[in-house]
């Protein structure tokens, strides 16, 4: 894993995200932070399913919340 990428624990909030969490992520809450934009958006990828990528707007996101694993 590249040292620029960090792990995060994700939590689905919306019904859509909960369905994606079960189907695409196999209920595995670990994800990789791929990119952080200056506007606060964060791009993540599932550690279980590397073909599943998603955005989170942090605390303002209606679908996903995440905490960086230090």
PDB file of N, CA and C in Angstrom:
ATOM      1  N   UNK A   1       0.849  -1.178   0.000  1.00  0.00           N
ATOM      2  CA  UNK A   1       0.000   0.000   0.000  1.00  0.00           C
ATOM      3  C   UNK A   1       0.890   1.234   0.000  1.00  0.00           C
ATOM      4  N   UNK A   2       0.557   2.189  -0.802  1.00  0.00           N
ATOM      5  CA  UNK A   2       1.293   3.431  -0.875  1.00  0.00           C
ATOM      6  C   UNK A   2       1.197   4.186   0.455  1.00  0.00           C
ATOM      7  N   UNK A   3       2.290   4.822   0.887  1.00  0.00           N
ATOM      8  CA  UNK A   3       2.241   5.555   2.158  1.00  0.00           C
ATOM      9  C   UNK A   3       1.295   6.756   2.126  1.00  0.00           C
ATOM     10  N   UNK A   4       0.902   7.198   0.928  1.00  0.00           N
ATOM     11  CA  UNK A   4      -0.032   8.318   0.826  1.00  0.00           C
ATOM     12  C   UNK A   4      -1.473   7.889   1.093  1.00  0.00           C
ATOM     13  N   UNK A   5      -1.725   6.596   0.978  1.00  0.00           N
ATOM     14  CA  UNK A   5      -3.076   6.091   1.203  1.00  0.00           C
ATOM     15  C   UNK A   5      -3.224   5.676   2.651  1.00  0.00           C
ATOM     16  N   UNK A   6      -4.379   5.951   3.222  1.00  0.00           N
ATOM     17  CA  UNK A   6      -4.632   5.601   4.611  1.00  0.00           C
ATOM     18  C   UNK A   6      -5.917   4.807   4.705  1.00  0.00           C
ATOM     19  N   UNK A   7      -6.016   4.025   5.754  1.00  0.00           N
ATOM     20  CA  UNK A   7      -7.219   3.234   5.984  1.00  0.00           C
ATOM     21  C   UNK A   7      -8.270   4.058   6.709  1.00  0.00           C
ATOM     22  N   UNK A   8      -9.524   3.688   6.462  1.00  0.00           N
ATOM     23  CA  UNK A   8     -10.650   4.347   7.124  1.00  0.00           C
ATOM     24  C   UNK A   8     -11.708   3.294   7.450  1.00  0.00           C
ATOM     25  N   UNK A   9     -12.415   3.534   8.543  1.00  0.00           N
ATOM     26  CA  UNK A   9     -13.592   2.724   8.871  1.00  0.00           C
ATOM     27  C   UNK A   9     -14.794   3.515   8.388  1.00  0.00           C
ATOM     28  N   UNK A  10     -15.629   2.888   7.581  1.00  0.00           N
ATOM     29  CA  UNK A  10     -16.785   3.581   7.016  1.00  0.00           C
ATOM     30  C   UNK A  10     -18.074   3.082   7.658  1.00  0.00           C
ATOM     31  N   UNK A  11     -19.064   3.968   7.689  1.00  0.00           N
ATOM     32  CA  UNK A  11     -20.390   3.639   8.210  1.00  0.00           C
ATOM     33  C   UNK A  11     -21.434   4.108   7.193  1.00  0.00           C
ATOM     34  N   UNK A  12     -22.274   3.206   6.721  1.00  0.00           N
ATOM     35  CA  UNK A  12     -23.340   3.622   5.805  1.00  0.00           C
ATOM     36  C   UNK A  12     -24.449   4.336   6.586  1.00  0.00           C
ATOM     37  N   UNK A  13     -24.992   5.388   6.008  1.00  0.00           N
ATOM     38  CA  UNK A  13     -26.049   6.176   6.660  1.00  0.00           C
ATOM     39  C   UNK A  13     -27.386   5.977   5.946  1.00  0.00           C
ATOM     40  N   UNK A  14     -27.399   6.186   4.641  1.00  0.00           N
ATOM     41  CA  UNK A  14     -28.645   6.094   3.876  1.00  0.00           C
ATOM     42  C   UNK A  14     -28.975   4.646   3.543  1.00  0.00           C
ATOM     43  N   UNK A  15     -30.208   4.411   3.128  1.00  0.00           N
ATOM     44  CA  UNK A  15     -30.616   3.064   2.707  1.00  0.00           C
ATOM     45  C   UNK A  15     -29.801   2.594   1.504  1.00  0.00           C
ATOM     46  N   UNK A  16     -29.525   3.514   0.580  1.00  0.00           N
ATOM     47  CA  UNK A  16     -28.720   3.172  -0.596  1.00  0.00           C
ATOM     48  C   UNK A  16     -27.321   2.719  -0.177  1.00  0.00           C
ATOM     49  N   UNK A  17     -26.703   3.466   0.739  1.00  0.00           N
ATOM     50  CA  UNK A  17     -25.362   3.124   1.206  1.00  0.00           C
ATOM     51  C   UNK A  17     -25.366   1.807   1.985  1.00  0.00           C
ATOM     52  N   UNK A  18     -26.422   1.565   2.744  1.00  0.00           N
ATOM     53  CA  UNK A  18     -26.514   0.306   3.495  1.00  0.00           C
ATOM     54  C   UNK A  18     -26.594  -0.883   2.546  1.00  0.00           C
ATOM     55  N   UNK A  19     -27.321  -0.732   1.440  1.00  0.00           N
ATOM     56  CA  UNK A  19     -27.399  -1.793   0.447  1.00  0.00           C
ATOM     57  C   UNK A  19     -26.034  -2.003  -0.219  1.00  0.00           C
ATOM     58  N   UNK A  20     -25.355  -0.918  -0.576  1.00  0.00           N
ATOM     59  CA  UNK A  20     -24.018  -1.021  -1.162  1.00  0.00           C
ATOM     60  C   UNK A  20     -23.038  -1.649  -0.173  1.00  0.00           C
ATOM     61  N   UNK A  21     -23.182  -1.310   1.094  1.00  0.00           N
ATOM     62  CA  UNK A  21     -22.311  -1.854   2.134  1.00  0.00           C
ATOM     63  C   UNK A  21     -22.412  -3.374   2.196  1.00  0.00           C
ATOM     64  N   UNK A  22     -23.630  -3.886   2.085  1.00  0.00           N
ATOM     65  CA  UNK A  22     -23.839  -5.336   2.135  1.00  0.00           C
ATOM     66  C   UNK A  22     -23.439  -5.990   0.813  1.00  0.00           C
ATOM     67  N   UNK A  23     -23.901  -5.436  -0.312  1.00  0.00           N
ATOM     68  CA  UNK A  23     -23.688  -6.096  -1.603  1.00  0.00           C
ATOM     69  C   UNK A  23     -22.280  -5.900  -2.162  1.00  0.00           C
ATOM     70  N   UNK A  24     -21.781  -4.678  -2.131  1.00  0.00           N
ATOM     71  CA  UNK A  24     -20.484  -4.401  -2.766  1.00  0.00           C
ATOM     72  C   UNK A  24     -19.309  -4.554  -1.811  1.00  0.00           C
ATOM     73  N   UNK A  25     -19.548  -4.286  -0.524  1.00  0.00           N
ATOM     74  CA  UNK A  25     -18.443  -4.328   0.434  1.00  0.00           C
ATOM     75  C   UNK A  25     -18.480  -5.564   1.333  1.00  0.00           C
ATOM     76  N   UNK A  26     -19.490  -6.400   1.168  1.00  0.00           N
ATOM     77  CA  UNK A  26     -19.627  -7.621   1.967  1.00  0.00           C
ATOM     78  C   UNK A  26     -19.596  -7.308   3.470  1.00  0.00           C
ATOM     79  N   UNK A  27     -20.181  -6.188   3.847  1.00  0.00           N
ATOM     80  CA  UNK A  27     -20.261  -5.720   5.237  1.00  0.00           C
ATOM     81  C   UNK A  27     -18.887  -5.530   5.884  1.00  0.00           C
ATOM     82  N   UNK A  28     -17.866  -5.335   5.071  1.00  0.00           N
ATOM     83  CA  UNK A  28     -16.520  -5.055   5.569  1.00  0.00           C
ATOM     84  C   UNK A  28     -16.356  -3.540   5.627  1.00  0.00           C
ATOM     85  N   UNK A  29     -16.199  -2.988   6.822  1.00  0.00           N
ATOM     86  CA  UNK A  29     -16.208  -1.537   6.972  1.00  0.00           C
ATOM     87  C   UNK A  29     -14.853  -0.877   6.737  1.00  0.00           C
ATOM     88  N   UNK A  30     -13.846  -1.613   6.290  1.00  0.00           N
ATOM     89  CA  UNK A  30     -12.543  -1.018   6.020  1.00  0.00           C
ATOM     90  C   UNK A  30     -12.460  -0.552   4.569  1.00  0.00           C
ATOM     91  N   UNK A  31     -11.930   0.655   4.390  1.00  0.00           N
ATOM     92  CA  UNK A  31     -11.768   1.232   3.064  1.00  0.00           C
ATOM     93  C   UNK A  31     -10.426   1.960   3.013  1.00  0.00           C
ATOM     94  N   UNK A  32      -9.975   2.239   1.810  1.00  0.00           N
ATOM     95  CA  UNK A  32      -8.736   2.979   1.598  1.00  0.00           C
ATOM     96  C   UNK A  32      -9.070   4.380   1.133  1.00  0.00           C
ATOM     97  N   UNK A  33      -8.461   5.370   1.764  1.00  0.00           N
ATOM     98  CA  UNK A  33      -8.619   6.757   1.325  1.00  0.00           C
ATOM     99  C   UNK A  33      -7.712   6.941   0.117  1.00  0.00           C
ATOM    100  N   UNK A  34      -8.325   7.160  -1.037  1.00  0.00           N
ATOM    101  CA  UNK A  34      -7.579   7.286  -2.288  1.00  0.00           C
ATOM    102  C   UNK A  34      -7.164   8.731  -2.559  1.00  0.00           C
ATOM    103  N   UNK A  35      -8.065   9.658  -2.247  1.00  0.00           N
ATOM    104  CA  UNK A  35      -7.784  11.067  -2.544  1.00  0.00           C
ATOM    105  C   UNK A  35      -8.628  11.952  -1.644  1.00  0.00           C
ATOM    106  N   UNK A  36      -8.044  13.075  -1.263  1.00  0.00           N
ATOM    107  CA  UNK A  36      -8.786  14.111  -0.533  1.00  0.00           C
ATOM    108  C   UNK A  36      -8.702  15.397  -1.332  1.00  0.00           C
ATOM    109  N   UNK A  37      -9.850  15.979  -1.593  1.00  0.00           N
ATOM    110  CA  UNK A  37      -9.876  17.224  -2.352  1.00  0.00           C
ATOM    111  C   UNK A  37      -9.888  18.407  -1.402  1.00  0.00           C
ATOM    112  N   UNK A  38      -9.513  19.543  -1.916  1.00  0.00           N
ATOM    113  CA  UNK A  38      -9.461  20.758  -1.093  1.00  0.00           C
ATOM    114  C   UNK A  38     -10.843  21.206  -0.629  1.00  0.00           C
ATOM    115  N   UNK A  39     -11.902  20.775  -1.337  1.00  0.00           N
ATOM    116  CA  UNK A  39     -13.258  21.154  -0.933  1.00  0.00           C
ATOM    117  C   UNK A  39     -13.823  20.238   0.160  1.00  0.00           C
ATOM    118  N   UNK A  40     -13.018  19.272   0.637  1.00  0.00           N
ATOM    119  CA  UNK A  40     -13.449  18.408   1.729  1.00  0.00           C
ATOM    120  C   UNK A  40     -13.959  17.043   1.304  1.00  0.00           C
ATOM    121  N   UNK A  41     -14.161  16.845   0.011  1.00  0.00           N
ATOM    122  CA  UNK A  41     -14.613  15.527  -0.461  1.00  0.00           C
ATOM    123  C   UNK A  41     -13.466  14.532  -0.380  1.00  0.00           C
ATOM    124  N   UNK A  42     -13.819  13.298  -0.043  1.00  0.00           N
ATOM    125  CA  UNK A  42     -12.835  12.234   0.072  1.00  0.00           C
ATOM    126  C   UNK A  42     -13.277  11.066  -0.791  1.00  0.00           C
ATOM    127  N   UNK A  43     -12.354  10.545  -1.572  1.00  0.00           N
ATOM    128  CA  UNK A  43     -12.601   9.424  -2.465  1.00  0.00           C
ATOM    129  C   UNK A  43     -12.066   8.169  -1.787  1.00  0.00           C
ATOM    130  N   UNK A  44     -12.922   7.153  -1.636  1.00  0.00           N
ATOM    131  CA  UNK A  44     -12.546   5.926  -0.946  1.00  0.00           C
ATOM    132  C   UNK A  44     -12.779   4.712  -1.832  1.00  0.00           C
ATOM    133  N   UNK A  45     -12.041   3.652  -1.547  1.00  0.00           N
ATOM    134  CA  UNK A  45     -12.270   2.374  -2.234  1.00  0.00           C
ATOM    135  C   UNK A  45     -12.403   1.283  -1.181  1.00  0.00           C
ATOM    136  N   UNK A  46     -13.239   0.327  -1.474  1.00  0.00           N
ATOM    137  CA  UNK A  46     -13.487  -0.793  -0.578  1.00  0.00           C
ATOM    138  C   UNK A  46     -12.258  -1.695  -0.510  1.00  0.00           C
ATOM    139  N   UNK A  47     -11.881  -2.131   0.678  1.00  0.00           N
ATOM    140  CA  UNK A  47     -10.781  -3.090   0.800  1.00  0.00           C
ATOM    141  C   UNK A  47     -11.221  -4.486   0.401  1.00  0.00           C
ATOM    142  N   UNK A  48     -12.502  -4.764   0.504  1.00  0.00           N
ATOM    143  CA  UNK A  48     -13.014  -6.089   0.138  1.00  0.00           C
ATOM    144  C   UNK A  48     -13.211  -6.220  -1.369  1.00  0.00           C
ATOM    145  N   UNK A  49     -13.735  -5.174  -1.984  1.00  0.00           N
ATOM    146  CA  UNK A  49     -14.055  -5.190  -3.407  1.00  0.00           C
ATOM    147  C   UNK A  49     -13.393  -3.972  -4.046  1.00  0.00           C
ATOM    148  N   UNK A  50     -12.234  -4.173  -4.653  1.00  0.00           N
ATOM    149  CA  UNK A  50     -11.455  -3.055  -5.186  1.00  0.00           C
ATOM    150  C   UNK A  50     -12.108  -2.381  -6.386  1.00  0.00           C
ATOM    151  N   UNK A  51     -13.184  -2.955  -6.901  1.00  0.00           N
ATOM    152  CA  UNK A  51     -13.926  -2.325  -7.992  1.00  0.00           C
ATOM    153  C   UNK A  51     -14.997  -1.369  -7.485  1.00  0.00           C
ATOM    154  N   UNK A  52     -15.188  -1.304  -6.167  1.00  0.00           N
ATOM    155  CA  UNK A  52     -16.207  -0.418  -5.601  1.00  0.00           C
ATOM    156  C   UNK A  52     -15.526   0.803  -4.993  1.00  0.00           C
ATOM    157  N   UNK A  53     -15.811   1.960  -5.582  1.00  0.00           N
ATOM    158  CA  UNK A  53     -15.241   3.238  -5.148  1.00  0.00           C
ATOM    159  C   UNK A  53     -16.397   4.179  -4.835  1.00  0.00           C
ATOM    160  N   UNK A  54     -16.192   5.098  -3.906  1.00  0.00           N
ATOM    161  CA  UNK A  54     -17.256   6.044  -3.569  1.00  0.00           C
ATOM    162  C   UNK A  54     -16.679   7.315  -2.964  1.00  0.00           C
ATOM    163  N   UNK A  55     -17.485   8.375  -3.040  1.00  0.00           N
ATOM    164  CA  UNK A  55     -17.132   9.665  -2.465  1.00  0.00           C
ATOM    165  C   UNK A  55     -17.820   9.831  -1.124  1.00  0.00           C
ATOM    166  N   UNK A  56     -17.193  10.584  -0.244  1.00  0.00           N
ATOM    167  CA  UNK A  56     -17.837  11.004   0.996  1.00  0.00           C
ATOM    168  C   UNK A  56     -17.529  12.476   1.221  1.00  0.00           C
ATOM    169  N   UNK A  57     -18.537  13.212   1.638  1.00  0.00           N
ATOM    170  CA  UNK A  57     -18.359  14.624   1.982  1.00  0.00           C
ATOM    171  C   UNK A  57     -18.146  14.794   3.481  1.00  0.00           C
ATOM    172  N   UNK A  58     -17.701  13.756   4.139  1.00  0.00           N
ATOM    173  CA  UNK A  58     -17.446  13.836   5.577  1.00  0.00           C
ATOM    174  C   UNK A  58     -18.740  13.926   6.363  1.00  0.00           C
ATOM    175  N   UNK A  59     -18.780  14.810   7.320  1.00  0.00           N
ATOM    176  CA  UNK A  59     -19.942  14.927   8.205  1.00  0.00           C
ATOM    177  C   UNK A  59     -21.186  15.458   7.490  1.00  0.00           C
ATOM    178  N   UNK A  60     -20.996  16.074   6.312  1.00  0.00           N
ATOM    179  CA  UNK A  60     -22.133  16.600   5.543  1.00  0.00           C
ATOM    180  C   UNK A  60     -22.698  15.578   4.557  1.00  0.00           C
ATOM    181  N   UNK A  61     -22.083  14.414   4.444  1.00  0.00           N
ATOM    182  CA  UNK A  61     -22.507  13.428   3.458  1.00  0.00           C
ATOM    183  C   UNK A  61     -23.760  12.692   3.937  1.00  0.00           C
ATOM    184  N   UNK A  62     -24.794  12.621   3.104  1.00  0.00           N
ATOM    185  CA  UNK A  62     -26.026  11.931   3.505  1.00  0.00           C
ATOM    186  C   UNK A  62     -25.936  10.409   3.409  1.00  0.00           C
ATOM    187  N   UNK A  63     -24.849   9.898   2.814  1.00  0.00           N
ATOM    188  CA  UNK A  63     -24.748   8.456   2.575  1.00  0.00           C
ATOM    189  C   UNK A  63     -23.690   7.748   3.420  1.00  0.00           C
ATOM    190  N   UNK A  64     -22.515   8.366   3.584  1.00  0.00           N
ATOM    191  CA  UNK A  64     -21.390   7.697   4.252  1.00  0.00           C
ATOM    192  C   UNK A  64     -20.730   8.594   5.291  1.00  0.00           C
ATOM    193  N   UNK A  65     -20.255   7.985   6.363  1.00  0.00           N
ATOM    194  CA  UNK A  65     -19.386   8.623   7.348  1.00  0.00           C
ATOM    195  C   UNK A  65     -18.132   7.749   7.420  1.00  0.00           C
ATOM    196  N   UNK A  66     -17.009   8.347   7.761  1.00  0.00           N
ATOM    197  CA  UNK A  66     -15.798   7.547   7.912  1.00  0.00           C
ATOM    198  C   UNK A  66     -14.894   8.164   8.968  1.00  0.00           C
ATOM    199  N   UNK A  67     -14.096   7.303   9.578  1.00  0.00           N
ATOM    200  CA  UNK A  67     -13.087   7.705  10.546  1.00  0.00           C
ATOM    201  C   UNK A  67     -11.769   7.137  10.078  1.00  0.00           C
ATOM    202  N   UNK A  68     -10.763   7.995   9.986  1.00  0.00           N
ATOM    203  CA  UNK A  68      -9.447   7.540   9.564  1.00  0.00           C
ATOM    204  C   UNK A  68      -8.835   6.670  10.649  1.00  0.00           C
ATOM    205  N   UNK A  69      -8.239   5.563  10.241  1.00  0.00           N
ATOM    206  CA  UNK A  69      -7.549   4.669  11.163  1.00  0.00           C
ATOM    207  C   UNK A  69      -6.109   5.150  11.258  1.00  0.00           C
ATOM    208  N   UNK A  70      -5.693   5.483  12.451  1.00  0.00           N
ATOM    209  CA  UNK A  70      -4.347   6.046  12.645  1.00  0.00           C
ATOM    210  C   UNK A  70      -3.351   4.958  12.947  1.00  0.00           C
TER     211      UNK A  70
END
